[in-house]
């Protein structure tokens, strides 16, 4: 079982609202860097640019949210970082190494839990360990204490049909963590949950993030979720998605639930909403995959 690691209390410097392509090298403290990343679907007169000139440095062990209006290219961007889609232009750097087009180097969790109904919950949780070559008995022995610690105790030998929506997402996220990648991409992981379960899961995610010390990048449509969870919020413009702003979240950690009523929380949320809805509302129809 991993020993809990206390992350530093971030005190980020303000950043300009508009960010250019920047230098080709990663920042010294960056775990993940995107350098002038663009992607075009199609060619000729029918070509549609999904994202353009994305430049982001994500520090090690930080939690960064990406928000933007529907069709701005958030999922396209995640598919590029995950190596499922090669960018038309630009580079993706992990620890300074170009990983463009190489899948399996970061963990990626989609909104749907994708639990396998014929496998028990523990066998779903250890799937990544099993695929990595660990013997099943060893993988189960490794996972069971973590399942008890993080709210899945007693459900290890049940099947996914016995779990609530929140419990299924716990199992899916624990499976993602056990893939043992330093960077985790979460694409709307709590979007299908009711408001109360969603907030409980956000608190649970913060506990896991603090204990495991991973670098997490989260796509969300929920501005409150982005403010509550993040060290920094990246706001994308309408398509083609560009970095419109990078907003440090100046809220102390660890974060109590009462922080959502604070003045600083409200100011950060208001700034996000202004950036989202001051953008040009005109947008062309969404191309396949450009979400």
Protein backbone atom coordinates (compact mmCIF):
# COMPACT_ATOMS: atom_id res chain seq x y z
CA UNK A 1 0.00 0.00 0.00
CA UNK A 2 1.44 3.40 -0.89
CA UNK A 3 2.31 5.74 1.93
CA UNK A 4 0.33 8.98 1.78
CA UNK A 5 2.34 11.86 0.34
CA UNK A 6 1.61 15.42 1.30
CA UNK A 7 1.74 17.65 -1.71
CA UNK A 8 3.06 21.18 -1.52
CA UNK A 9 0.52 23.96 -1.04
CA UNK A 10 0.76 25.61 -4.46
CA UNK A 11 1.20 29.38 -4.68
CA UNK A 12 1.21 29.84 -8.46
CA UNK A 13 2.21 33.06 -10.16
CA UNK A 14 -0.44 34.86 -12.25
CA UNK A 15 -0.38 34.01 -15.95
CA UNK A 16 -1.42 36.05 -18.92
CA UNK A 17 -4.80 35.26 -20.43
CA UNK A 18 -3.37 34.61 -23.89
CA UNK A 19 -0.62 32.04 -24.24
CA UNK A 20 1.44 31.62 -27.38
CA UNK A 21 3.19 28.54 -28.70
CA UNK A 22 6.19 29.18 -26.49
CA UNK A 23 9.58 27.53 -26.55
CA UNK A 24 10.08 24.02 -27.88
CA UNK A 25 11.56 22.66 -24.66
CA UNK A 26 9.53 21.72 -21.59
CA UNK A 27 9.65 23.93 -18.50
CA UNK A 28 12.09 22.58 -15.88
CA UNK A 29 9.35 21.55 -13.43
CA UNK A 30 6.91 20.26 -16.05
CA UNK A 31 5.76 16.65 -15.98
CA UNK A 32 3.72 17.04 -19.14
CA UNK A 33 4.17 19.69 -21.83
CA UNK A 34 2.26 20.46 -24.99
CA UNK A 35 4.19 22.46 -27.56
CA UNK A 36 2.24 24.22 -30.36
CA UNK A 37 -0.17 21.28 -30.65
CA UNK A 38 -2.71 21.51 -33.47
CA UNK A 39 -4.97 19.00 -35.14
CA UNK A 40 -6.96 19.21 -38.37
CA UNK A 41 -9.70 16.75 -39.34
CA UNK A 42 -10.04 16.19 -43.07
CA UNK A 43 -8.30 18.06 -45.85
CA UNK A 44 -8.89 20.65 -48.52
CA UNK A 45 -12.06 22.73 -48.42
CA UNK A 46 -13.67 20.39 -45.89
CA UNK A 47 -10.82 20.55 -43.36
CA UNK A 48 -11.79 21.52 -39.81
CA UNK A 49 -9.22 22.63 -37.25
CA UNK A 50 -10.17 21.15 -33.87
CA UNK A 51 -7.34 22.58 -31.75
CA UNK A 52 -4.65 25.06 -32.68
CA UNK A 53 -1.37 26.17 -31.14
CA UNK A 54 -1.96 24.61 -27.72
CA UNK A 55 0.97 25.28 -25.37
CA UNK A 56 0.72 24.10 -21.76
CA UNK A 57 3.22 23.08 -19.08
CA UNK A 58 1.73 20.92 -16.31
CA UNK A 59 3.90 20.66 -13.18
CA UNK A 60 4.61 17.36 -11.50
CA UNK A 61 1.96 16.25 -8.97
CA UNK A 62 -0.40 19.04 -9.93
CA UNK A 63 -4.12 18.76 -10.67
CA UNK A 64 -5.12 20.81 -13.71
CA UNK A 65 -8.61 21.13 -15.20
CA UNK A 66 -9.40 21.91 -18.83
CA UNK A 67 -12.73 23.62 -19.50
CA UNK A 68 -14.33 24.94 -22.65
CA UNK A 69 -17.60 25.09 -24.51
CA UNK A 70 -18.91 22.06 -26.37
CA UNK A 71 -16.96 21.35 -29.55
CA UNK A 72 -13.81 23.21 -28.50
CA UNK A 73 -11.60 20.13 -28.93
CA UNK A 74 -11.09 18.98 -25.34
CA UNK A 75 -11.46 15.29 -26.15
CA UNK A 76 -9.35 15.67 -29.28
CA UNK A 77 -6.64 17.16 -27.08
CA UNK A 78 -6.88 14.26 -24.62
CA UNK A 79 -6.68 11.71 -27.43
CA UNK A 80 -3.49 13.41 -28.61
CA UNK A 81 -1.92 13.36 -25.13
CA UNK A 82 -2.93 9.71 -24.71
CA UNK A 83 -1.20 8.82 -27.98
CA UNK A 84 -4.44 7.69 -29.63
CA UNK A 85 -4.24 10.52 -32.17
CA UNK A 86 -1.10 12.00 -33.67
CA UNK A 87 -1.20 15.80 -33.84
CA UNK A 88 -1.11 17.49 -37.22
CA UNK A 89 1.51 19.80 -35.75
CA UNK A 90 3.37 20.15 -32.47
CA UNK A 91 4.78 17.89 -29.77
CA UNK A 92 3.68 16.22 -26.55
CA UNK A 93 6.49 15.87 -23.99
CA UNK A 94 6.48 13.60 -20.93
CA UNK A 95 9.46 14.28 -18.67
CA UNK A 96 10.97 16.10 -21.66
CA UNK A 97 10.60 13.10 -24.02
CA UNK A 98 8.43 13.34 -27.13
CA UNK A 99 5.60 10.79 -26.77
CA UNK A 100 3.45 11.87 -29.73
CA UNK A 101 1.50 8.95 -31.18
CA UNK A 102 2.67 6.52 -28.47
CA UNK A 103 -0.20 4.99 -26.52
CA UNK A 104 0.06 3.47 -23.04
CA UNK A 105 2.44 6.01 -21.47
CA UNK A 106 -0.29 7.85 -19.57
CA UNK A 107 -3.46 6.52 -17.92
CA UNK A 108 -6.76 7.58 -19.49
CA UNK A 109 -10.19 7.23 -17.88
CA UNK A 110 -13.33 8.04 -19.85
CA UNK A 111 -16.69 9.16 -18.51
CA UNK A 112 -18.10 5.63 -18.83
CA UNK A 113 -16.59 3.29 -16.27
CA UNK A 114 -16.19 0.45 -18.83
CA UNK A 115 -16.18 -2.20 -16.09
CA UNK A 116 -16.34 -5.72 -17.50
CA UNK A 117 -19.63 -7.25 -16.27
CA UNK A 118 -18.31 -10.83 -16.23
CA UNK A 119 -15.40 -10.00 -13.91
CA UNK A 120 -15.67 -9.36 -10.18
CA UNK A 121 -14.95 -5.87 -8.91
CA UNK A 122 -11.47 -6.81 -7.71
CA UNK A 123 -10.71 -8.46 -11.03
CA UNK A 124 -11.80 -5.28 -12.81
CA UNK A 125 -9.60 -3.18 -10.53
CA UNK A 126 -6.51 -5.29 -11.25
CA UNK A 127 -7.00 -5.42 -15.01
CA UNK A 128 -4.11 -3.04 -15.70
CA UNK A 129 -1.80 -4.97 -13.39
CA UNK A 130 -2.78 -8.21 -15.10
CA UNK A 131 -2.13 -6.78 -18.55
CA UNK A 132 1.22 -5.53 -17.27
CA UNK A 133 2.27 -9.09 -16.49
CA UNK A 134 1.54 -9.39 -12.77
CA UNK A 135 0.21 -12.76 -11.63
CA UNK A 136 -3.47 -12.62 -10.77
CA UNK A 137 -3.04 -13.79 -7.18
CA UNK A 138 -0.39 -11.12 -6.56
CA UNK A 139 -2.49 -8.43 -8.24
CA UNK A 140 -5.52 -9.26 -6.10
CA UNK A 141 -3.43 -9.27 -2.92
CA UNK A 142 -2.09 -5.83 -3.88
CA UNK A 143 -5.53 -4.40 -4.69
CA UNK A 144 -7.66 -5.67 -1.80
CA UNK A 145 -6.15 -3.43 0.93
CA UNK A 146 -6.51 -0.41 -1.36
CA UNK A 147 -10.13 -1.28 -2.07
CA UNK A 148 -10.85 -1.43 1.66
CA UNK A 149 -8.99 1.82 2.25
CA UNK A 150 -10.78 3.72 -0.51
CA UNK A 151 -14.40 2.73 0.06
CA UNK A 152 -14.79 -0.51 -1.89
CA UNK A 153 -14.39 -2.89 1.04
CA UNK A 154 -16.97 -5.66 1.05
CA UNK A 155 -17.57 -5.39 -2.70
CA UNK A 156 -14.36 -7.04 -3.86
CA UNK A 157 -16.02 -10.29 -4.94
CA UNK A 158 -19.27 -8.79 -6.18
CA UNK A 159 -19.95 -8.07 -9.86
CA UNK A 160 -20.29 -4.54 -11.27
CA UNK A 161 -24.09 -4.87 -11.49
CA UNK A 162 -24.19 -4.77 -7.67
CA UNK A 163 -22.53 -1.34 -7.53
CA UNK A 164 -24.06 2.14 -7.53
CA UNK A 165 -22.87 4.69 -10.09
CA UNK A 166 -20.49 6.28 -7.61
CA UNK A 167 -19.04 2.93 -6.56
CA UNK A 168 -18.50 1.95 -10.19
CA UNK A 169 -16.55 5.16 -10.74
CA UNK A 170 -14.46 4.43 -7.64
CA UNK A 171 -13.58 1.02 -9.05
CA UNK A 172 -12.76 2.49 -12.47
CA UNK A 173 -10.58 5.24 -11.00
CA UNK A 174 -8.73 2.83 -8.72
CA UNK A 175 -8.11 0.60 -11.75
CA UNK A 176 -6.69 3.65 -13.56
CA UNK A 177 -4.41 4.48 -10.63
CA UNK A 178 -3.12 0.92 -10.43
CA UNK A 179 -1.94 1.12 -14.03
CA UNK A 180 0.99 2.91 -12.37
CA UNK A 181 1.45 5.79 -14.79
CA UNK A 182 2.63 9.15 -13.48
CA UNK A 183 0.07 11.12 -15.52
CA UNK A 184 -3.67 10.42 -15.39
CA UNK A 185 -6.19 11.89 -17.85
CA UNK A 186 -9.78 12.04 -16.60
CA UNK A 187 -12.43 12.89 -19.19
CA UNK A 188 -15.63 13.94 -17.36
CA UNK A 189 -15.34 11.06 -14.87
CA UNK A 190 -18.26 12.24 -12.70
CA UNK A 191 -20.48 13.74 -15.38
CA UNK A 192 -23.17 11.07 -15.16
CA UNK A 193 -23.56 11.20 -11.37
CA UNK A 194 -26.13 13.10 -9.35
CA UNK A 195 -24.98 16.29 -7.61
CA UNK A 196 -24.51 14.83 -4.12
CA UNK A 197 -22.65 11.73 -5.34
CA UNK A 198 -20.56 13.90 -7.63
CA UNK A 199 -19.37 16.13 -4.80
CA UNK A 200 -18.58 13.09 -2.65
CA UNK A 201 -16.53 11.67 -5.53
CA UNK A 202 -14.66 14.95 -5.94
CA UNK A 203 -13.60 14.80 -2.29
CA UNK A 204 -12.62 11.15 -2.78
CA UNK A 205 -10.53 12.04 -5.84
CA UNK A 206 -8.67 14.71 -3.88
CA UNK A 207 -7.83 12.13 -1.20
CA UNK A 208 -6.45 9.70 -3.79
CA UNK A 209 -4.52 12.43 -5.57
CA UNK A 210 -2.90 13.53 -2.33
CA UNK A 211 -2.05 9.96 -1.29
CA UNK A 212 -0.69 8.75 -4.62
CA UNK A 213 1.03 11.95 -5.75
CA UNK A 214 0.14 11.59 -9.43
CA UNK A 215 -0.20 14.36 -12.01
CA UNK A 216 -3.86 14.63 -13.02
CA UNK A 217 -5.41 16.46 -15.97
CA UNK A 218 -9.20 16.65 -15.85
CA UNK A 219 -11.66 17.63 -18.57
CA UNK A 220 -14.94 18.88 -17.14
CA UNK A 221 -17.97 20.96 -18.12
CA UNK A 222 -18.63 21.75 -14.45
CA UNK A 223 -16.93 25.02 -13.46
CA UNK A 224 -17.53 24.41 -9.74
CA UNK A 225 -15.78 21.04 -10.07
CA UNK A 226 -12.82 22.65 -11.83
CA UNK A 227 -12.42 25.31 -9.13
CA UNK A 228 -12.85 22.89 -6.23
CA UNK A 229 -10.33 20.36 -7.50
CA UNK A 230 -7.64 22.26 -9.34
CA UNK A 231 -4.32 23.97 -8.87
CA UNK A 232 -4.89 25.62 -12.24
CA UNK A 233 -7.70 25.87 -14.79
CA UNK A 234 -6.99 25.99 -18.52
CA UNK A 235 -9.78 27.70 -20.46
CA UNK A 236 -10.09 26.84 -24.15
CA UNK A 237 -11.69 29.10 -26.74
CA UNK A 238 -14.46 27.92 -29.08
CA UNK A 239 -13.25 25.88 -32.04
CA UNK A 240 -10.55 25.90 -33.02
CA UNK A 241 -9.61 25.32 -29.40
CA UNK A 242 -6.82 27.63 -28.26
CA UNK A 243 -5.62 28.38 -24.74
CA UNK A 244 -7.61 31.46 -23.86
CA UNK A 245 -6.49 31.64 -20.25
CA UNK A 246 -4.65 29.79 -17.51
CA UNK A 247 -6.09 30.61 -14.11
CA UNK A 248 -4.23 29.68 -10.91
CA UNK A 249 -6.64 28.60 -8.17
CA UNK A 250 -5.56 30.38 -5.00
CA UNK A 251 -7.44 28.16 -2.55
CA UNK A 252 -5.59 26.41 0.29
CA UNK A 253 -5.06 22.66 0.44
CA UNK A 254 -6.38 20.41 1.81
CA UNK A 255 -9.78 21.73 0.70
CA UNK A 256 -12.75 21.44 2.99
CA UNK A 257 -16.21 21.31 1.43
CA UNK A 258 -17.01 24.67 3.05
CA UNK A 259 -14.57 26.35 0.66
CA UNK A 260 -17.23 26.35 -2.07
CA UNK A 261 -18.97 29.21 -0.26
CA UNK A 262 -15.83 31.36 0.06
CA UNK A 263 -15.33 34.69 -1.70
CA UNK A 264 -12.20 33.44 -3.52
CA UNK A 265 -14.10 30.43 -4.86
CA UNK A 266 -16.85 32.72 -6.18
CA UNK A 267 -14.32 35.10 -7.78
CA UNK A 268 -12.52 32.27 -9.56
CA UNK A 269 -15.80 30.77 -10.78
CA UNK A 270 -16.96 34.15 -12.07
CA UNK A 271 -13.69 34.63 -13.95
CA UNK A 272 -14.08 31.19 -15.58
CA UNK A 273 -17.65 31.92 -16.64
CA UNK A 274 -16.65 35.27 -18.08
CA UNK A 275 -13.91 33.63 -20.15
CA UNK A 276 -16.22 30.85 -21.34
CA UNK A 277 -19.11 33.02 -22.42
CA UNK A 278 -17.36 36.19 -23.57
CA UNK A 279 -15.98 34.11 -26.46
CA UNK A 280 -17.36 34.36 -29.98
CA UNK A 281 -20.57 32.31 -29.86
CA UNK A 282 -20.43 31.56 -33.61
CA UNK A 283 -19.24 28.00 -34.16
CA UNK A 284 -19.46 25.61 -37.06
CA UNK A 285 -21.03 22.15 -36.63
CA UNK A 286 -18.97 19.80 -34.52
CA UNK A 287 -16.83 17.35 -36.55
CA UNK A 288 -16.59 13.68 -35.53
CA UNK A 289 -14.12 13.32 -32.65
CA UNK A 290 -13.73 17.07 -32.06
CA UNK A 291 -15.26 17.19 -28.61
